[in-house]
C-alpha atoms as a PDB file:
ATOM      1  CA  GLN A   1      93.276  89.945 103.915  1.00  0.00           C
ATOM      2  CA  VAL A   2      96.344  90.187 101.709  1.00  0.00           C
ATOM      3  CA  GLN A   3      99.917  89.369 102.640  1.00  0.00           C
ATOM      4  CA  LEU A   4     102.773  90.779 100.597  1.00  0.00           C
ATOM      5  CA  VAL A   5     106.348  89.511 100.452  1.00  0.00           C
ATOM      6  CA  GLU A   6     109.029  91.394  98.544  1.00  0.00           C
ATOM      7  CA  SER A   7     112.248  89.897  97.221  1.00  0.00           C
ATOM      8  CA  GLY A   8     115.076  90.740  94.847  1.00  0.00           C
ATOM      9  CA  GLY A   9     116.809  93.594  96.604  1.00  0.00           C
ATOM     10  CA  GLY A  10     120.567  93.859  96.916  1.00  0.00           C
ATOM     11  CA  LEU A  11     123.695  95.830  96.160  1.00  0.00           C
ATOM     12  CA  VAL A  12     124.339  97.038  92.615  1.00  0.00           C
ATOM     13  CA  GLN A  13     126.666  99.517  90.967  1.00  0.00           C
ATOM     14  CA  ALA A  14     125.356 102.709  89.437  1.00  0.00           C
ATOM     15  CA  GLY A  15     124.030 102.060  85.958  1.00  0.00           C
ATOM     16  CA  GLY A  16     123.089  98.508  86.814  1.00  0.00           C
ATOM     17  CA  SER A  17     119.725  96.782  87.047  1.00  0.00           C
ATOM     18  CA  LEU A  18     117.641  94.926  89.599  1.00  0.00           C
ATOM     19  CA  ARG A  19     114.269  93.239  89.469  1.00  0.00           C
ATOM     20  CA  LEU A  20     112.081  93.212  92.560  1.00  0.00           C
ATOM     21  CA  SER A  21     109.161  90.865  93.062  1.00  0.00           C
ATOM     22  CA  CYS A  22     106.159  91.151  95.329  1.00  0.00           C
ATOM     23  CA  ALA A  23     104.252  87.938  95.927  1.00  0.00           C
ATOM     24  CA  ALA A  24     100.714  88.335  97.238  1.00  0.00           C
ATOM     25  CA  SER A  25      98.612  85.805  99.090  1.00  0.00           C
ATOM     26  CA  GLY A  26      94.882  86.049  99.555  1.00  0.00           C
ATOM     27  CA  ARG A  27      91.882  86.212  97.339  1.00  0.00           C
ATOM     28  CA  ALA A  28      90.935  88.637  94.582  1.00  0.00           C
ATOM     29  CA  PHE A  29      94.479  89.803  93.886  1.00  0.00           C
ATOM     30  CA  SER A  30      93.452  90.991  90.446  1.00  0.00           C
ATOM     31  CA  SER A  31      91.041  93.521  91.978  1.00  0.00           C
ATOM     32  CA  TYR A  32      93.789  95.313  93.880  1.00  0.00           C
ATOM     33  CA  GLY A  33      95.733  98.330  92.796  1.00  0.00           C
ATOM     34  CA  MET A  34      99.405  97.629  93.464  1.00  0.00           C
ATOM     35  CA  CYS A  35     102.199 100.054  94.105  1.00  0.00           C
ATOM     36  CA  TRP A  36     105.842 100.360  94.973  1.00  0.00           C
ATOM     37  CA  PHE A  37     107.013 102.952  97.482  1.00  0.00           C
ATOM     38  CA  ARG A  38     110.524 103.562  98.736  1.00  0.00           C
ATOM     39  CA  GLN A  39     112.050 105.099 101.807  1.00  0.00           C
ATOM     40  CA  ALA A  40     115.593 106.362 102.068  1.00  0.00           C
ATOM     41  CA  PRO A  41     117.273 106.916 105.460  1.00  0.00           C
ATOM     42  CA  GLY A  42     115.977 110.055 107.108  1.00  0.00           C
ATOM     43  CA  LYS A  43     113.334 110.647 104.445  1.00  0.00           C
ATOM     44  CA  GLU A  44     109.634 110.068 104.139  1.00  0.00           C
ATOM     45  CA  ARG A  45     108.237 107.129 102.255  1.00  0.00           C
ATOM     46  CA  GLU A  46     107.656 108.172  98.670  1.00  0.00           C
ATOM     47  CA  TYR A  47     105.588 106.852  95.811  1.00  0.00           C
ATOM     48  CA  VAL A  48     107.532 105.224  92.971  1.00  0.00           C
ATOM     49  CA  LEU A  49     104.999 103.667  90.639  1.00  0.00           C
ATOM     50  CA  GLY A  50     101.717 101.800  90.596  1.00  0.00           C
ATOM     51  CA  ILE A  51      99.644  99.511  88.430  1.00  0.00           C
ATOM     52  CA  SER A  52      95.905  98.940  88.260  1.00  0.00           C
ATOM     53  CA  TRP A  53      94.214  95.574  88.060  1.00  0.00           C
ATOM     54  CA  GLY A  54      93.946  96.080  84.294  1.00  0.00           C
ATOM     55  CA  GLY A  55      97.608  96.933  83.832  1.00  0.00           C
ATOM     56  CA  VAL A  56      97.409 100.717  83.624  1.00  0.00           C
ATOM     57  CA  THR A  57     100.608 102.146  85.080  1.00  0.00           C
ATOM     58  CA  TYR A  58     101.420 105.357  86.929  1.00  0.00           C
ATOM     59  CA  TYR A  59     105.003 106.561  87.274  1.00  0.00           C
ATOM     60  CA  ALA A  60     106.707 109.106  89.463  1.00  0.00           C
ATOM     61  CA  ASP A  61     108.735 111.562  87.381  1.00  0.00           C
ATOM     62  CA  SER A  62     111.970 110.515  89.072  1.00  0.00           C
ATOM     63  CA  VAL A  63     111.816 106.997  87.620  1.00  0.00           C
ATOM     64  CA  LYS A  64     110.190 107.490  84.226  1.00  0.00           C
ATOM     65  CA  GLY A  65     112.185 105.823  81.487  1.00  0.00           C
ATOM     66  CA  ARG A  66     114.194 103.773  83.997  1.00  0.00           C
ATOM     67  CA  PHE A  67     111.729 101.732  86.069  1.00  0.00           C
ATOM     68  CA  THR A  68     108.911  99.499  84.864  1.00  0.00           C
ATOM     69  CA  ILE A  69     106.100  97.905  86.834  1.00  0.00           C
ATOM     70  CA  SER A  70     104.185  94.845  85.715  1.00  0.00           C
ATOM     71  CA  ARG A  71     101.873  92.272  87.243  1.00  0.00           C
ATOM     72  CA  ASP A  72     100.953  88.666  86.706  1.00  0.00           C
ATOM     73  CA  ASN A  73      97.430  88.085  87.995  1.00  0.00           C
ATOM     74  CA  VAL A  74      97.813  84.314  87.639  1.00  0.00           C
ATOM     75  CA  LYS A  75     100.953  84.194  89.776  1.00  0.00           C
ATOM     76  CA  ASN A  76      99.658  86.931  92.130  1.00  0.00           C
ATOM     77  CA  THR A  77     102.916  88.772  91.695  1.00  0.00           C
ATOM     78  CA  VAL A  78     103.965  92.321  90.928  1.00  0.00           C
ATOM     79  CA  TYR A  79     107.371  93.125  89.495  1.00  0.00           C
ATOM     80  CA  LEU A  80     109.562  96.209  89.544  1.00  0.00           C
ATOM     81  CA  GLN A  81     112.258  96.283  86.876  1.00  0.00           C
ATOM     82  CA  MET A  82     114.831  98.928  87.706  1.00  0.00           C
ATOM     83  CA  ASN A  83     117.370  99.957  85.073  1.00  0.00           C
ATOM     84  CA  SER A  84     120.023 102.670  84.960  1.00  0.00           C
ATOM     85  CA  LEU A  85     120.105 102.741  88.745  1.00  0.00           C
ATOM     86  CA  LYS A  86     121.513 105.785  90.505  1.00  0.00           C
ATOM     87  CA  PRO A  87     122.904 106.176  94.037  1.00  0.00           C
ATOM     88  CA  GLU A  88     119.838 108.290  94.875  1.00  0.00           C
ATOM     89  CA  ASP A  89     117.670 105.221  94.226  1.00  0.00           C
ATOM     90  CA  THR A  90     119.120 103.662  97.380  1.00  0.00           C
ATOM     91  CA  ALA A  91     116.229 102.925  99.735  1.00  0.00           C
ATOM     92  CA  VAL A  92     114.041 100.256 101.237  1.00  0.00           C
ATOM     93  CA  TYR A  93     111.427  99.382  98.643  1.00  0.00           C
ATOM     94  CA  TYR A  94     107.935  98.470  99.780  1.00  0.00           C
ATOM     95  CA  CYS A  95     105.110  96.798  97.942  1.00  0.00           C
ATOM     96  CA  ALA A  96     101.598  97.924  98.827  1.00  0.00           C
ATOM     97  CA  ALA A  97      98.042  96.973  97.876  1.00  0.00           C
ATOM     98  CA  LYS A  98      94.632  98.653  97.971  1.00  0.00           C
ATOM     99  CA  ILE A  99      91.185  97.951  96.639  1.00  0.00           C
ATOM    100  CA  GLY A 100      90.557  99.857  93.440  1.00  0.00           C
ATOM    101  CA  PRO A 101      93.048 101.861  91.382  1.00  0.00           C
ATOM    102  CA  PRO A 102      96.477 102.684  92.812  1.00  0.00           C
ATOM    103  CA  GLY A 103      97.034 106.012  94.531  1.00  0.00           C
ATOM    104  CA  GLN A 104     100.109 108.048  95.342  1.00  0.00           C
ATOM    105  CA  TYR A 105      99.700 108.434  99.087  1.00  0.00           C
ATOM    106  CA  VAL A 106     100.787 106.116 101.873  1.00  0.00           C
ATOM    107  CA  TYR A 107      97.515 106.462 103.771  1.00  0.00           C
ATOM    108  CA  GLU A 108      95.539 105.054 100.837  1.00  0.00           C
ATOM    109  CA  TYR A 109      97.046 101.586 101.155  1.00  0.00           C
ATOM    110  CA  ASP A 110      95.676  98.822 103.335  1.00  0.00           C
ATOM    111  CA  TYR A 111      98.410  96.233 102.979  1.00  0.00           C
ATOM    112  CA  TRP A 112     102.206  96.467 103.036  1.00  0.00           C
ATOM    113  CA  GLY A 113     105.139  94.153 102.602  1.00  0.00           C
ATOM    114  CA  GLN A 114     108.121  94.136 104.949  1.00  0.00           C
ATOM    115  CA  GLY A 115     110.368  95.901 102.452  1.00  0.00           C
ATOM    116  CA  THR A 116     113.541  94.969 100.622  1.00  0.00           C
ATOM    117  CA  GLN A 117     116.783  96.952 100.665  1.00  0.00           C
ATOM    118  CA  VAL A 118     118.213  98.310  97.427  1.00  0.00           C
ATOM    119  CA  THR A 119     121.677  99.856  97.612  1.00  0.00           C
ATOM    120  CA  VAL A 120     123.277 101.525  94.598  1.00  0.00           C
ATOM    121  CA  SER A 121     126.988 102.254  94.864  1.00  0.00           C
ATOM    122  CA  SER A 122     128.669 105.051  92.928  1.00  0.00           C
END
């Protein structure tokens, strides 16, 4: 069993930056593929980026060059550094975990955090 708790969301102006954290509890964190999804009002939850246990990263085209994912397997934490934020990045951001490498589909993930709101003003 893994529990995930996100933090770091908030309100930021366009062009600004935010750093989200996802703290995981439970054993064998390093064996999990970790991912960030986001969900804007009225839209489906969409994949943002993921990271394997070994640090290999997978980015959605919409955030390449702006967002970075990293993990600290000692602290059991995954980070999402978001730069050059745009109003269209406004959403609830969710951390998710699955055994094995990260995937791009919601149904692949076994564990989810409660989400953290990110609002980008124009």
